[in-house]
Amino acid sequence: MASPKKKLQGLVAATITPMTEHGEINFSVIGQYVDYLVKEQGVKNIFVNGTTGEGLSLSISERRRVAEEWVTKGRNKLDQVVIHVGALSLKESQELAQHAAEIGADGIAVIAPFFLKPWNKDVLINFLKEVAAAAPALPFYYYHIPALTGVKIRAEEVLDGIQEKIPTFQGLKFSDTDLLDFAQCVDQNRQRQFAFLFGVDEQLLSALVMGATGAVGRMCCFLSSTYNYLGKKTNQMLEAFERKDFSSALNHQFCIQRFINFVVKLGFGVSQTKAIMTLVSGIPMGPPRLPLQKASREFTDNAEAKLRSLDFLSFNDLKDGNLEACS
């Protein structure tokens, strides 16, 4: 049975794929991106080529190159690099899974096929089993994201007996707001050492109470990993929760929600996440790939003002003026 170096837990940033203004992948900044996550945000686990990374808008060769770059640049800096290898084609998923093993990734994850959809649990498991078998030495994670796949099979059902059919199964990335389903996944598998990675940033504290072991950033329905630029604040919430300082943990969650609630009303997704990440990190993330559209300057200006008001930006000019900060 495959087993990771250590259990995947804590924050896992769903990485953005940097692009040039012409829509080509900007590999040159990924090393800088790694250093930023580790040193500035305290995030040492990543999820590559997922929704935030526009993985399904990339060609197979591009996905392979992106995975290679993250594994190479993250060596001896990141704890775990998990590669999303889901695709509509079983053969392509298997190819990506084999490649992830060859380059030394720490795990693979797969979403349900979303055009010709599996109609019940057994069909979905059969698909996942074939992908996992292509990389038998790698931990395997199921990526549950029904709002995008349209596959409404409950995660609780998928996990029932899954390790007997997929021996490399190590955990679940749960990107849905159905906390009942998530709680049942945890409750019914307490004897197993699964990683329960919650994927809705604005509900993370609720999921921690229910037994989440970590979090892969993604805002519900808005497709964004805030841990790329709010990792430090989210880690403070995790630390408060661990020491049972629930009042502080709740304050941190409310603070994060203030920003999320604000940008959601403006219209928030992968495009806007790229703009915010560029603003906060100084690393050029570029525009998204079509059919997504570049974030407007109005959005970026408004998001910057909100980040400053919440003291999420540590620029020198934040010291001036009377700004209400989260504490």
Protein backbone atom coordinates (compact mmCIF):
# COMPACT_ATOMS: atom_id res chain seq x y z
CA MET A 1 0.00 0.00 0.00
CA ALA A 2 1.23 3.44 -0.86
CA SER A 3 1.91 5.74 2.05
CA PRO A 4 3.07 9.34 2.03
CA LYS A 5 6.19 10.47 3.86
CA LYS A 6 3.75 11.79 6.43
CA LYS A 7 0.02 12.36 6.52
CA LEU A 8 -1.12 15.19 4.29
CA GLN A 9 -2.52 17.76 6.68
CA GLY A 10 -2.65 21.47 7.39
CA LEU A 11 -2.91 23.98 4.58
CA VAL A 12 -2.54 22.86 0.98
CA ALA A 13 -2.43 25.67 -1.57
CA ALA A 14 -4.16 24.95 -4.85
CA THR A 15 -1.59 26.60 -7.06
CA ILE A 16 -2.25 29.16 -9.78
CA THR A 17 -0.69 28.53 -13.19
CA PRO A 18 1.25 31.71 -14.10
CA MET A 19 0.81 32.83 -17.69
CA THR A 20 2.21 35.47 -19.99
CA GLU A 21 0.02 38.15 -21.53
CA HIS A 22 -0.16 35.91 -24.63
CA GLY A 23 -1.61 32.98 -22.69
CA GLU A 24 1.53 30.84 -22.54
CA ILE A 25 2.64 29.29 -19.25
CA ASN A 26 5.24 31.40 -17.45
CA PHE A 27 7.45 28.69 -15.97
CA SER A 28 10.14 31.19 -14.99
CA VAL A 29 8.31 32.43 -11.86
CA ILE A 30 7.39 29.08 -10.29
CA GLY A 31 10.59 28.94 -8.23
CA GLN A 32 9.82 32.39 -6.84
CA TYR A 33 6.24 31.24 -6.20
CA VAL A 34 7.48 28.28 -4.13
CA ASP A 35 9.62 30.56 -1.97
CA TYR A 36 6.74 32.98 -1.48
CA LEU A 37 4.36 30.25 -0.29
CA VAL A 38 6.88 28.82 2.16
CA LYS A 39 8.44 32.02 3.52
CA GLU A 40 5.56 34.49 3.38
CA GLN A 41 2.46 32.34 3.84
CA GLY A 42 3.79 29.34 5.78
CA VAL A 43 2.31 26.91 3.25
CA LYS A 44 4.43 23.84 2.43
CA ASN A 45 1.94 21.55 0.69
CA ILE A 46 0.51 22.19 -2.76
CA PHE A 47 -2.16 20.85 -5.10
CA VAL A 48 -1.12 21.34 -8.73
CA ASN A 49 -3.23 21.52 -11.91
CA GLY A 50 -6.55 21.69 -10.11
CA THR A 51 -9.39 24.16 -10.61
CA THR A 52 -7.42 27.21 -9.45
CA GLY A 53 -4.54 26.11 -11.67
CA GLU A 54 -6.79 25.91 -14.75
CA GLY A 55 -5.62 22.33 -15.12
CA LEU A 56 -8.43 21.28 -17.42
CA SER A 57 -7.75 24.25 -19.69
CA LEU A 58 -4.19 23.03 -20.26
CA SER A 59 -3.00 20.48 -22.77
CA ILE A 60 -1.66 17.17 -21.49
CA SER A 61 1.90 18.20 -22.39
CA GLU A 62 1.43 21.50 -20.53
CA ARG A 63 0.09 19.70 -17.47
CA ARG A 64 3.12 17.43 -17.50
CA ARG A 65 5.53 20.37 -17.72
CA VAL A 66 3.75 22.31 -14.97
CA ALA A 67 3.89 19.27 -12.68
CA GLU A 68 7.59 18.78 -13.43
CA GLU A 69 8.38 22.40 -12.62
CA TRP A 70 6.57 22.36 -9.27
CA VAL A 71 8.21 19.09 -8.21
CA THR A 72 11.66 20.32 -9.27
CA LYS A 73 11.43 23.78 -7.74
CA GLY A 74 9.74 22.46 -4.60
CA ARG A 75 12.37 19.84 -3.84
CA ASN A 76 13.74 20.25 -0.29
CA LYS A 77 11.37 23.22 0.23
CA LEU A 78 7.87 21.80 0.05
CA ASP A 79 6.63 18.90 2.15
CA GLN A 80 4.20 17.40 -0.36
CA VAL A 81 3.32 18.07 -3.98
CA VAL A 82 0.04 16.44 -5.03
CA ILE A 83 -0.78 16.49 -8.73
CA HIS A 84 -4.35 16.54 -10.01
CA VAL A 85 -4.49 14.07 -12.91
CA GLY A 86 -8.22 13.99 -13.57
CA ALA A 87 -9.39 14.18 -17.19
CA LEU A 88 -12.35 13.19 -19.34
CA SER A 89 -10.24 10.43 -20.89
CA LEU A 90 -9.22 7.47 -18.76
CA LYS A 91 -6.08 7.03 -20.89
CA GLU A 92 -5.04 10.64 -20.35
CA SER A 93 -5.60 10.35 -16.59
CA GLN A 94 -3.48 7.22 -16.52
CA GLU A 95 -0.74 8.90 -18.54
CA LEU A 96 -0.69 11.85 -16.12
CA ALA A 97 -0.69 9.50 -13.12
CA GLN A 98 2.28 7.56 -14.46
CA HIS A 99 4.09 10.80 -15.18
CA ALA A 100 3.47 12.09 -11.63
CA ALA A 101 5.08 8.92 -10.27
CA GLU A 102 8.04 9.22 -12.62
CA ILE A 103 8.85 12.80 -11.58
CA GLY A 104 8.65 12.10 -7.85
CA ALA A 105 5.31 13.67 -6.89
CA ASP A 106 3.96 12.82 -3.44
CA GLY A 107 0.45 11.92 -4.50
CA ILE A 108 -2.23 12.17 -7.17
CA ALA A 109 -5.84 13.30 -7.10
CA VAL A 110 -8.71 12.74 -9.52
CA ILE A 111 -12.12 14.32 -10.08
CA ALA A 112 -15.08 12.43 -11.48
CA PRO A 113 -15.40 12.54 -15.30
CA PHE A 114 -17.86 15.34 -16.00
CA PHE A 115 -19.09 14.99 -19.60
CA LEU A 116 -19.94 11.31 -19.93
CA LYS A 117 -20.63 11.01 -16.20
CA PRO A 118 -20.56 7.94 -13.95
CA TRP A 119 -24.15 7.29 -12.90
CA ASN A 120 -23.50 5.45 -9.65
CA LYS A 121 -20.80 4.81 -7.08
CA ASP A 122 -19.55 1.56 -8.61
CA VAL A 123 -18.96 3.11 -12.02
CA LEU A 124 -17.10 6.05 -10.46
CA ILE A 125 -14.96 3.74 -8.32
CA ASN A 126 -14.07 1.64 -11.36
CA PHE A 127 -12.79 4.75 -13.14
CA LEU A 128 -10.80 5.93 -10.10
CA LYS A 129 -9.39 2.43 -9.59
CA GLU A 130 -7.98 2.30 -13.11
CA VAL A 131 -6.28 5.67 -12.71
CA ALA A 132 -4.83 4.81 -9.30
CA ALA A 133 -3.47 1.52 -10.67
CA ALA A 134 -1.36 3.46 -13.17
CA ALA A 135 0.69 4.84 -10.26
CA PRO A 136 0.66 2.05 -7.66
CA ALA A 137 3.38 3.62 -5.51
CA LEU A 138 1.60 6.97 -5.07
CA PRO A 139 -1.03 7.92 -2.49
CA PHE A 140 -4.36 8.50 -4.20
CA TYR A 141 -6.93 11.17 -3.29
CA TYR A 142 -10.47 11.56 -4.58
CA TYR A 143 -11.31 15.16 -5.49
CA HIS A 144 -15.03 15.69 -4.75
CA ILE A 145 -16.30 18.85 -6.45
CA PRO A 146 -19.92 18.24 -7.52
CA ALA A 147 -20.72 21.89 -8.31
CA LEU A 148 -18.33 21.67 -11.28
CA THR A 149 -18.49 18.01 -12.28
CA GLY A 150 -22.25 17.68 -11.94
CA VAL A 151 -21.63 14.24 -10.39
CA LYS A 152 -23.87 14.23 -7.34
CA ILE A 153 -22.75 10.93 -5.84
CA ARG A 154 -22.20 11.68 -2.16
CA ALA A 155 -18.62 11.46 -0.94
CA GLU A 156 -19.84 9.34 1.97
CA GLU A 157 -20.93 6.68 -0.54
CA VAL A 158 -17.68 6.85 -2.49
CA LEU A 159 -15.58 6.29 0.64
CA ASP A 160 -17.59 3.27 1.75
CA GLY A 161 -15.21 0.35 1.15
CA ILE A 162 -12.99 2.37 -1.22
CA GLN A 163 -9.67 1.18 0.21
CA GLU A 164 -10.58 -2.44 -0.46
CA LYS A 165 -10.89 -1.55 -4.16
CA ILE A 166 -8.19 1.13 -4.31
CA PRO A 167 -5.42 0.10 -1.87
CA THR A 168 -3.50 3.33 -2.47
CA PHE A 169 -6.44 5.51 -1.38
CA GLN A 170 -5.25 7.96 1.28
CA GLY A 171 -7.89 10.66 1.50
CA LEU A 172 -10.47 13.03 0.17
CA LYS A 173 -10.41 16.59 -1.11
CA PHE A 174 -13.96 17.71 -0.29
CA SER A 175 -14.92 20.86 -2.20
CA ASP A 176 -18.59 21.20 -1.38
CA THR A 177 -20.73 23.03 1.19
CA ASP A 178 -22.60 19.88 2.30
CA LEU A 179 -21.22 19.63 5.81
CA LEU A 180 -23.49 16.68 6.58
CA ASP A 181 -21.85 14.66 3.82
CA PHE A 182 -18.38 15.73 4.98
CA ALA A 183 -19.13 14.89 8.61
CA GLN A 184 -20.37 11.43 7.64
CA CYS A 185 -17.15 10.83 5.70
CA VAL A 186 -15.21 11.53 8.89
CA ASP A 187 -17.58 9.74 11.28
CA GLN A 188 -17.79 6.53 9.26
CA ASN A 189 -14.04 6.29 8.72
CA ARG A 190 -12.66 7.14 12.14
CA GLN A 191 -10.63 3.96 12.35
CA ARG A 192 -8.83 4.71 9.10
CA GLN A 193 -5.94 7.13 8.79
CA PHE A 194 -7.50 9.04 5.90
CA ALA A 195 -6.69 12.66 5.17
CA PHE A 196 -9.91 14.68 5.17
CA LEU A 197 -9.01 17.84 3.27
CA PHE A 198 -11.72 20.47 3.25
CA GLY A 199 -11.95 22.68 0.20
CA VAL A 200 -14.27 25.57 1.10
CA ASP A 201 -12.12 28.29 2.64
CA GLU A 202 -14.93 30.31 4.18
CA GLN A 203 -16.26 27.25 6.09
CA LEU A 204 -12.95 25.79 7.24
CA LEU A 205 -13.46 26.31 10.97
CA SER A 206 -16.76 24.41 10.85
CA ALA A 207 -15.02 21.56 9.05
CA LEU A 208 -12.19 21.50 11.61
CA VAL A 209 -14.76 20.98 14.36
CA MET A 210 -16.13 18.02 12.38
CA GLY A 211 -12.72 16.43 11.98
CA ALA A 212 -11.03 17.90 8.93
CA THR A 213 -7.32 17.11 9.01
CA GLY A 214 -6.36 19.79 6.52
CA ALA A 215 -7.56 22.16 3.86
CA VAL A 216 -7.03 22.53 0.13
CA GLY A 217 -8.03 26.07 -0.68
CA ARG A 218 -11.01 26.62 -2.90
CA MET A 219 -13.91 28.95 -2.31
CA CYS A 220 -17.31 27.36 -2.74
CA CYS A 221 -18.64 27.92 -6.26
CA PHE A 222 -16.11 30.68 -6.94
CA LEU A 223 -13.11 28.54 -7.73
CA SER A 224 -10.33 30.21 -5.81
CA SER A 225 -7.65 29.17 -3.37
CA THR A 226 -7.21 32.00 -0.89
CA TYR A 227 -4.38 30.15 0.88
CA ASN A 228 -2.05 31.46 -1.82
CA TYR A 229 -2.26 34.92 -0.25
CA LEU A 230 -4.18 34.43 3.03
CA GLY A 231 -2.19 31.40 4.16
CA LYS A 232 -0.59 33.21 7.06
CA LYS A 233 -3.94 34.35 8.44
CA THR A 234 -5.47 30.90 7.95
CA ASN A 235 -2.50 29.27 9.69
CA GLN A 236 -3.18 31.55 12.65
CA MET A 237 -6.71 30.17 12.76
CA LEU A 238 -5.41 26.59 12.63
CA GLU A 239 -2.96 27.30 15.44
CA ALA A 240 -5.68 28.86 17.60
CA PHE A 241 -7.92 25.85 16.99
CA GLU A 242 -5.12 23.43 17.92
CA ARG A 243 -4.56 25.18 21.25
CA LYS A 244 -8.35 25.20 21.82
CA ASP A 245 -8.55 28.98 21.70
CA PHE A 246 -11.85 28.84 19.87
CA SER A 247 -12.64 32.51 20.34
CA SER A 248 -9.46 33.52 18.50
CA ALA A 249 -10.02 30.88 15.85
CA LEU A 250 -13.51 32.25 15.22
CA ASN A 251 -12.18 35.80 15.00
CA HIS A 252 -9.67 34.71 12.36
CA GLN A 253 -12.38 32.90 10.39
CA PHE A 254 -14.66 35.95 10.54
CA CYS A 255 -11.80 38.14 9.37
CA ILE A 256 -11.16 35.88 6.37
CA GLN A 257 -14.88 35.79 5.64
CA ARG A 258 -15.05 39.58 5.57
CA PHE A 259 -12.69 39.62 2.62
CA ILE A 260 -14.31 36.65 0.88
CA ASN A 261 -17.80 38.11 1.35
CA PHE A 262 -16.61 41.40 -0.13
CA VAL A 263 -15.01 39.98 -3.27
CA VAL A 264 -17.81 37.50 -3.90
CA LYS A 265 -20.17 40.44 -4.30
CA LEU A 266 -17.80 41.90 -6.90
CA GLY A 267 -17.65 38.66 -8.87
CA PHE A 268 -14.84 36.31 -7.90
CA GLY A 269 -13.12 33.41 -9.60
CA VAL A 270 -9.82 32.20 -11.02
CA SER A 271 -9.27 35.40 -13.01
CA GLN A 272 -9.70 37.57 -9.93
CA THR A 273 -7.51 35.27 -7.85
CA LYS A 274 -4.69 35.74 -10.33
CA ALA A 275 -5.04 39.51 -10.04
CA ILE A 276 -5.04 39.42 -6.23
CA MET A 277 -2.06 37.06 -6.09
CA THR A 278 -0.10 39.36 -8.40
CA LEU A 279 -1.00 42.30 -6.18
CA VAL A 280 -0.13 40.65 -2.87
CA SER A 281 2.95 38.64 -3.87
CA GLY A 282 4.42 40.85 -6.58
CA ILE A 283 4.78 37.73 -8.76
CA PRO A 284 3.13 38.21 -12.17
CA MET A 285 0.39 35.59 -12.55
CA GLY A 286 -0.85 36.96 -15.84
CA PRO A 287 -4.33 36.60 -17.29
CA PRO A 288 -6.38 33.40 -17.31
CA ARG A 289 -6.85 31.28 -20.38
CA LEU A 290 -10.03 31.60 -22.44
CA PRO A 291 -12.94 31.23 -21.91
CA LEU A 292 -12.10 33.03 -18.65
CA GLN A 293 -11.66 36.79 -18.89
CA LYS A 294 -9.03 38.97 -17.24
CA ALA A 295 -10.06 40.68 -13.99
CA SER A 296 -11.01 44.33 -14.32
CA ARG A 297 -8.90 47.13 -12.89
CA GLU A 298 -11.94 48.18 -10.85
CA PHE A 299 -12.01 44.76 -9.17
CA THR A 300 -8.30 44.87 -8.38
CA ASP A 301 -8.50 48.36 -6.90
CA ASN A 302 -11.48 47.42 -4.73
CA ALA A 303 -9.84 44.17 -3.57
CA GLU A 304 -6.64 46.03 -2.70
CA ALA A 305 -8.55 48.57 -0.63
CA LYS A 306 -10.30 45.78 1.27
CA LEU A 307 -7.07 43.88 1.89
CA ARG A 308 -5.53 47.04 3.29
CA SER A 309 -8.51 47.76 5.53
CA LEU A 310 -8.24 44.25 6.99
CA ASP A 311 -4.46 44.58 7.42
CA PHE A 312 -3.76 41.67 5.08
CA LEU A 313 -1.20 43.77 3.20
CA SER A 314 1.93 44.66 5.15
CA PHE A 315 3.14 47.51 2.95
CA ASN A 316 4.68 50.56 4.64
CA ASP A 317 1.78 52.81 3.74
CA LEU A 318 -0.53 50.69 5.88
CA LYS A 319 0.99 52.40 8.88
CA ASP A 320 -0.58 55.67 7.81
CA GLY A 321 -4.20 56.51 8.40
CA ASN A 322 -6.83 55.08 10.68
CA LEU A 323 -7.43 51.56 9.34
CA GLU A 324 -9.56 49.00 11.13
CA ALA A 325 -7.63 45.73 11.20
CA CYS A 326 -8.56 42.16 12.09
CA SER A 327 -6.89 40.87 15.21
